[in-house]
N, C-alpha and C. Protein backbone atom coordinates (compact mmCIF):
# COMPACT_ATOMS: atom_id res chain seq x y z
N MET A 1 -22.55 8.84 7.75
CA MET A 1 -21.12 9.11 7.68
C MET A 1 -20.92 10.63 7.64
N ILE A 2 -19.83 11.04 8.20
CA ILE A 2 -19.51 12.46 8.30
C ILE A 2 -19.33 13.09 6.92
N SER A 3 -18.66 12.37 6.01
CA SER A 3 -18.34 12.96 4.72
C SER A 3 -19.56 13.17 3.82
N THR A 4 -20.68 12.56 4.14
CA THR A 4 -21.87 12.74 3.30
C THR A 4 -22.94 13.59 3.95
N THR A 5 -23.01 13.62 5.27
CA THR A 5 -24.08 14.36 5.93
C THR A 5 -23.68 15.76 6.35
N VAL A 6 -22.43 15.97 6.75
CA VAL A 6 -22.01 17.29 7.25
C VAL A 6 -22.06 18.37 6.18
N PRO A 7 -21.60 18.13 4.93
CA PRO A 7 -21.69 19.22 3.94
C PRO A 7 -23.12 19.71 3.71
N LYS A 8 -24.08 18.80 3.65
CA LYS A 8 -25.47 19.22 3.45
C LYS A 8 -25.99 19.94 4.69
N ALA A 9 -25.62 19.49 5.88
CA ALA A 9 -26.04 20.17 7.09
C ALA A 9 -25.46 21.57 7.17
N MET A 10 -24.20 21.73 6.75
CA MET A 10 -23.59 23.06 6.73
C MET A 10 -24.31 23.96 5.73
N HIS A 11 -24.64 23.42 4.57
CA HIS A 11 -25.36 24.19 3.56
C HIS A 11 -26.72 24.63 4.10
N ASN A 12 -27.44 23.72 4.75
CA ASN A 12 -28.75 24.06 5.30
C ASN A 12 -28.66 25.13 6.38
N SER A 13 -27.66 25.06 7.22
CA SER A 13 -27.55 26.06 8.29
C SER A 13 -27.10 27.42 7.76
N LEU A 14 -26.27 27.44 6.74
CA LEU A 14 -25.79 28.71 6.20
C LEU A 14 -26.87 29.43 5.40
N TRP A 15 -27.69 28.70 4.65
CA TRP A 15 -28.71 29.32 3.81
C TRP A 15 -30.10 29.22 4.42
N ASP A 16 -30.20 28.71 5.66
CA ASP A 16 -31.44 28.62 6.40
C ASP A 16 -32.55 27.95 5.58
N THR A 17 -32.25 26.77 5.08
CA THR A 17 -33.22 26.01 4.29
C THR A 17 -33.17 24.55 4.72
N ARG A 18 -34.22 23.83 4.45
CA ARG A 18 -34.26 22.40 4.76
C ARG A 18 -34.61 21.58 3.53
N ASP A 19 -34.65 22.20 2.38
CA ASP A 19 -35.00 21.50 1.15
C ASP A 19 -33.80 20.73 0.61
N ILE A 20 -34.09 19.58 -0.01
CA ILE A 20 -33.06 18.80 -0.69
C ILE A 20 -33.68 18.24 -1.96
N SER A 21 -32.94 18.31 -3.04
CA SER A 21 -33.46 17.79 -4.30
C SER A 21 -33.41 16.27 -4.32
N PHE A 22 -34.14 15.69 -5.25
CA PHE A 22 -34.13 14.23 -5.37
C PHE A 22 -32.74 13.73 -5.74
N SER A 23 -32.08 14.41 -6.68
CA SER A 23 -30.73 13.98 -7.09
C SER A 23 -29.74 14.16 -5.94
N GLY A 24 -29.91 15.22 -5.16
CA GLY A 24 -29.04 15.41 -4.00
C GLY A 24 -29.23 14.32 -2.97
N CYS A 25 -30.49 13.94 -2.75
CA CYS A 25 -30.78 12.86 -1.80
C CYS A 25 -30.22 11.54 -2.30
N ALA A 26 -30.39 11.27 -3.60
CA ALA A 26 -29.88 10.03 -4.17
C ALA A 26 -28.36 9.98 -4.09
N ALA A 27 -27.71 11.11 -4.36
CA ALA A 27 -26.25 11.15 -4.27
C ALA A 27 -25.78 10.94 -2.84
N GLN A 28 -26.50 11.53 -1.88
CA GLN A 28 -26.12 11.37 -0.48
C GLN A 28 -26.27 9.91 -0.04
N VAL A 29 -27.36 9.27 -0.45
CA VAL A 29 -27.56 7.86 -0.10
C VAL A 29 -26.51 6.98 -0.77
N PHE A 30 -26.19 7.27 -2.04
CA PHE A 30 -25.18 6.49 -2.75
C PHE A 30 -23.82 6.61 -2.06
N PHE A 31 -23.39 7.85 -1.75
CA PHE A 31 -22.09 8.03 -1.12
C PHE A 31 -22.06 7.41 0.28
N PHE A 32 -23.16 7.51 1.00
CA PHE A 32 -23.22 6.88 2.32
C PHE A 32 -23.02 5.37 2.20
N ALA A 33 -23.74 4.75 1.28
CA ALA A 33 -23.63 3.30 1.10
C ALA A 33 -22.24 2.91 0.60
N PHE A 34 -21.68 3.71 -0.32
CA PHE A 34 -20.36 3.40 -0.87
C PHE A 34 -19.28 3.49 0.21
N PHE A 35 -19.28 4.59 0.97
CA PHE A 35 -18.24 4.76 1.99
C PHE A 35 -18.41 3.75 3.13
N MET A 36 -19.65 3.41 3.46
CA MET A 36 -19.87 2.43 4.51
C MET A 36 -19.38 1.05 4.07
N SER A 37 -19.66 0.66 2.83
CA SER A 37 -19.20 -0.65 2.36
C SER A 37 -17.68 -0.67 2.22
N ALA A 38 -17.07 0.44 1.80
CA ALA A 38 -15.61 0.49 1.70
C ALA A 38 -14.98 0.36 3.09
N GLU A 39 -15.56 1.04 4.08
CA GLU A 39 -15.03 0.96 5.43
C GLU A 39 -15.17 -0.45 6.00
N LEU A 40 -16.31 -1.08 5.78
CA LEU A 40 -16.50 -2.44 6.27
C LEU A 40 -15.57 -3.42 5.57
N SER A 41 -15.31 -3.21 4.29
CA SER A 41 -14.38 -4.08 3.57
C SER A 41 -12.98 -3.95 4.13
N LEU A 42 -12.54 -2.72 4.37
CA LEU A 42 -11.21 -2.52 4.93
C LEU A 42 -11.10 -3.12 6.33
N LEU A 43 -12.12 -2.94 7.15
CA LEU A 43 -12.09 -3.53 8.49
C LEU A 43 -12.06 -5.05 8.43
N THR A 44 -12.77 -5.64 7.48
CA THR A 44 -12.76 -7.09 7.33
C THR A 44 -11.37 -7.60 6.95
N VAL A 45 -10.73 -6.91 6.02
CA VAL A 45 -9.38 -7.30 5.61
C VAL A 45 -8.40 -7.15 6.76
N MET A 46 -8.52 -6.07 7.52
CA MET A 46 -7.63 -5.85 8.66
C MET A 46 -7.85 -6.92 9.73
N CYS A 47 -9.09 -7.30 9.99
CA CYS A 47 -9.38 -8.34 10.98
C CYS A 47 -8.83 -9.69 10.53
N TYR A 48 -8.97 -10.00 9.26
CA TYR A 48 -8.45 -11.27 8.74
C TYR A 48 -6.92 -11.30 8.84
N ASP A 49 -6.28 -10.18 8.54
CA ASP A 49 -4.83 -10.10 8.64
C ASP A 49 -4.38 -10.29 10.08
N CYS A 50 -5.08 -9.68 11.01
CA CYS A 50 -4.76 -9.84 12.43
C CYS A 50 -4.96 -11.29 12.86
N TYR A 51 -6.06 -11.91 12.44
CA TYR A 51 -6.32 -13.30 12.77
C TYR A 51 -5.21 -14.21 12.23
N MET A 52 -4.82 -13.99 10.97
CA MET A 52 -3.78 -14.82 10.37
C MET A 52 -2.45 -14.65 11.09
N SER A 53 -2.11 -13.43 11.46
CA SER A 53 -0.81 -13.21 12.08
C SER A 53 -0.76 -13.73 13.51
N ILE A 54 -1.89 -13.79 14.20
CA ILE A 54 -1.89 -14.26 15.58
C ILE A 54 -2.18 -15.75 15.67
N CYS A 55 -3.24 -16.20 15.06
CA CYS A 55 -3.68 -17.59 15.22
C CYS A 55 -2.98 -18.57 14.29
N LYS A 56 -2.60 -18.13 13.13
CA LYS A 56 -1.96 -19.01 12.15
C LYS A 56 -0.59 -18.46 11.79
N SER A 57 0.22 -18.17 12.79
CA SER A 57 1.48 -17.47 12.55
C SER A 57 2.46 -18.27 11.69
N LEU A 58 2.52 -19.59 11.83
CA LEU A 58 3.45 -20.38 11.02
C LEU A 58 3.03 -20.35 9.55
N TYR A 59 1.76 -20.52 9.28
CA TYR A 59 1.26 -20.47 7.90
C TYR A 59 1.42 -19.07 7.32
N TYR A 60 1.15 -18.05 8.15
CA TYR A 60 1.26 -16.66 7.71
C TYR A 60 2.71 -16.33 7.35
N GLY A 61 3.67 -16.87 8.10
CA GLY A 61 5.08 -16.63 7.81
C GLY A 61 5.49 -17.22 6.47
N THR A 62 5.02 -18.42 6.16
CA THR A 62 5.36 -19.02 4.87
C THR A 62 4.63 -18.32 3.74
N LEU A 63 3.44 -17.81 4.02
CA LEU A 63 2.70 -17.08 3.01
C LEU A 63 3.42 -15.78 2.66
N LEU A 64 3.93 -15.09 3.67
CA LEU A 64 4.67 -13.86 3.42
C LEU A 64 6.07 -14.14 2.87
N GLY A 65 6.64 -15.30 3.19
CA GLY A 65 7.97 -15.63 2.71
C GLY A 65 8.05 -15.68 1.20
N SER A 66 7.01 -16.13 0.56
CA SER A 66 7.02 -16.20 -0.90
C SER A 66 6.94 -14.82 -1.52
N ARG A 67 6.37 -13.87 -0.80
CA ARG A 67 6.25 -12.51 -1.32
C ARG A 67 7.39 -11.61 -0.86
N SER A 68 8.22 -12.08 0.06
CA SER A 68 9.26 -11.21 0.60
C SER A 68 10.28 -10.83 -0.47
N VAL A 69 10.52 -11.70 -1.42
CA VAL A 69 11.42 -11.37 -2.52
C VAL A 69 10.84 -10.23 -3.34
N LEU A 70 9.57 -10.30 -3.60
CA LEU A 70 8.90 -9.25 -4.36
C LEU A 70 8.99 -7.92 -3.63
N TYR A 71 8.76 -7.93 -2.31
CA TYR A 71 8.80 -6.69 -1.55
C TYR A 71 10.22 -6.15 -1.37
N SER A 72 11.22 -7.01 -1.42
CA SER A 72 12.58 -6.53 -1.22
C SER A 72 13.28 -6.15 -2.52
N VAL A 73 12.76 -6.57 -3.67
CA VAL A 73 13.40 -6.29 -4.95
C VAL A 73 12.71 -5.16 -5.71
N VAL A 74 11.39 -5.18 -5.76
CA VAL A 74 10.66 -4.23 -6.61
C VAL A 74 10.79 -2.78 -6.14
N PRO A 75 10.60 -2.44 -4.86
CA PRO A 75 10.71 -1.03 -4.48
C PRO A 75 12.07 -0.39 -4.76
N PRO A 76 13.20 -1.06 -4.48
CA PRO A 76 14.48 -0.42 -4.83
C PRO A 76 14.67 -0.21 -6.33
N VAL A 77 14.06 -1.07 -7.12
CA VAL A 77 14.16 -0.91 -8.57
C VAL A 77 13.31 0.27 -9.04
N LEU A 78 12.16 0.46 -8.42
CA LEU A 78 11.25 1.52 -8.84
C LEU A 78 11.62 2.89 -8.27
N ASN A 79 12.37 2.96 -7.18
CA ASN A 79 12.71 4.25 -6.57
C ASN A 79 13.42 5.20 -7.53
N PRO A 80 14.46 4.78 -8.27
CA PRO A 80 15.09 5.73 -9.19
C PRO A 80 14.13 6.24 -10.26
N LEU A 81 13.24 5.38 -10.72
CA LEU A 81 12.26 5.81 -11.72
C LEU A 81 11.31 6.85 -11.14
N ILE A 82 10.85 6.62 -9.92
CA ILE A 82 9.92 7.56 -9.29
C ILE A 82 10.60 8.90 -9.05
N TYR A 83 11.80 8.89 -8.53
CA TYR A 83 12.49 10.14 -8.24
C TYR A 83 12.91 10.86 -9.52
N SER A 84 13.21 10.12 -10.56
CA SER A 84 13.57 10.78 -11.81
C SER A 84 12.36 11.45 -12.46
N LEU A 85 11.16 10.89 -12.24
CA LEU A 85 9.96 11.51 -12.79
C LEU A 85 9.60 12.79 -12.04
N ARG A 86 10.13 12.97 -10.85
CA ARG A 86 9.90 14.20 -10.10
C ARG A 86 10.81 15.32 -10.59
N ASN A 87 11.84 14.97 -11.33
CA ASN A 87 12.81 15.95 -11.84
C ASN A 87 12.18 16.72 -13.00
N GLN A 88 12.14 18.04 -12.90
CA GLN A 88 11.48 18.86 -13.91
C GLN A 88 12.22 18.82 -15.24
N GLU A 89 13.54 18.77 -15.24
CA GLU A 89 14.30 18.72 -16.49
C GLU A 89 13.98 17.45 -17.27
N LEU A 90 13.86 16.33 -16.55
CA LEU A 90 13.53 15.07 -17.21
C LEU A 90 12.10 15.12 -17.77
N LYS A 91 11.18 15.74 -17.03
CA LYS A 91 9.81 15.88 -17.53
C LYS A 91 9.79 16.71 -18.81
N ASP A 92 10.56 17.80 -18.83
CA ASP A 92 10.62 18.64 -20.03
C ASP A 92 11.19 17.87 -21.21
N ALA A 93 12.23 17.09 -20.96
CA ALA A 93 12.85 16.31 -22.02
C ALA A 93 11.88 15.26 -22.56
N LEU A 94 11.15 14.59 -21.66
CA LEU A 94 10.17 13.61 -22.12
C LEU A 94 9.03 14.28 -22.88
N GLY A 95 8.67 15.49 -22.46
CA GLY A 95 7.63 16.24 -23.18
C GLY A 95 8.07 16.61 -24.59
N LYS A 96 9.34 17.03 -24.73
CA LYS A 96 9.86 17.38 -26.05
C LYS A 96 9.97 16.14 -26.93
N LEU A 97 10.35 15.02 -26.31
CA LEU A 97 10.44 13.78 -27.07
C LEU A 97 9.06 13.35 -27.56
N GLY A 98 8.05 13.54 -26.72
CA GLY A 98 6.69 13.20 -27.12
C GLY A 98 6.18 14.09 -28.26
N GLN A 99 6.60 15.34 -28.27
CA GLN A 99 6.19 16.26 -29.35
C GLN A 99 6.85 15.89 -30.66
N CYS A 100 8.08 15.39 -30.60
CA CYS A 100 8.80 15.02 -31.82
C CYS A 100 8.18 13.78 -32.46
N LEU A 101 7.64 12.91 -31.65
CA LEU A 101 7.06 11.67 -32.20
C LEU A 101 5.71 11.98 -32.74
């Protein structure tokens, strides 16, 4: 994977060395395995979603229908809370309230 091999390759080319420590090698192997399994998991979920939407469209519609209420109600309720937390005055007020308690 690019995110695990390129940094070490850049380090080797900049400092003209080919040595790698055991912990560095173990970390590189761990991150490679972790990112590869995460990518394969995401691709599997995406393929299953595509299969359900194309081959089992009637079942997929009823499956999403039960969650459509959740998706249409929860985000509008949470938006004012999210935007109010971005407000610096409100953050300061909550910080002062936390100090008083």
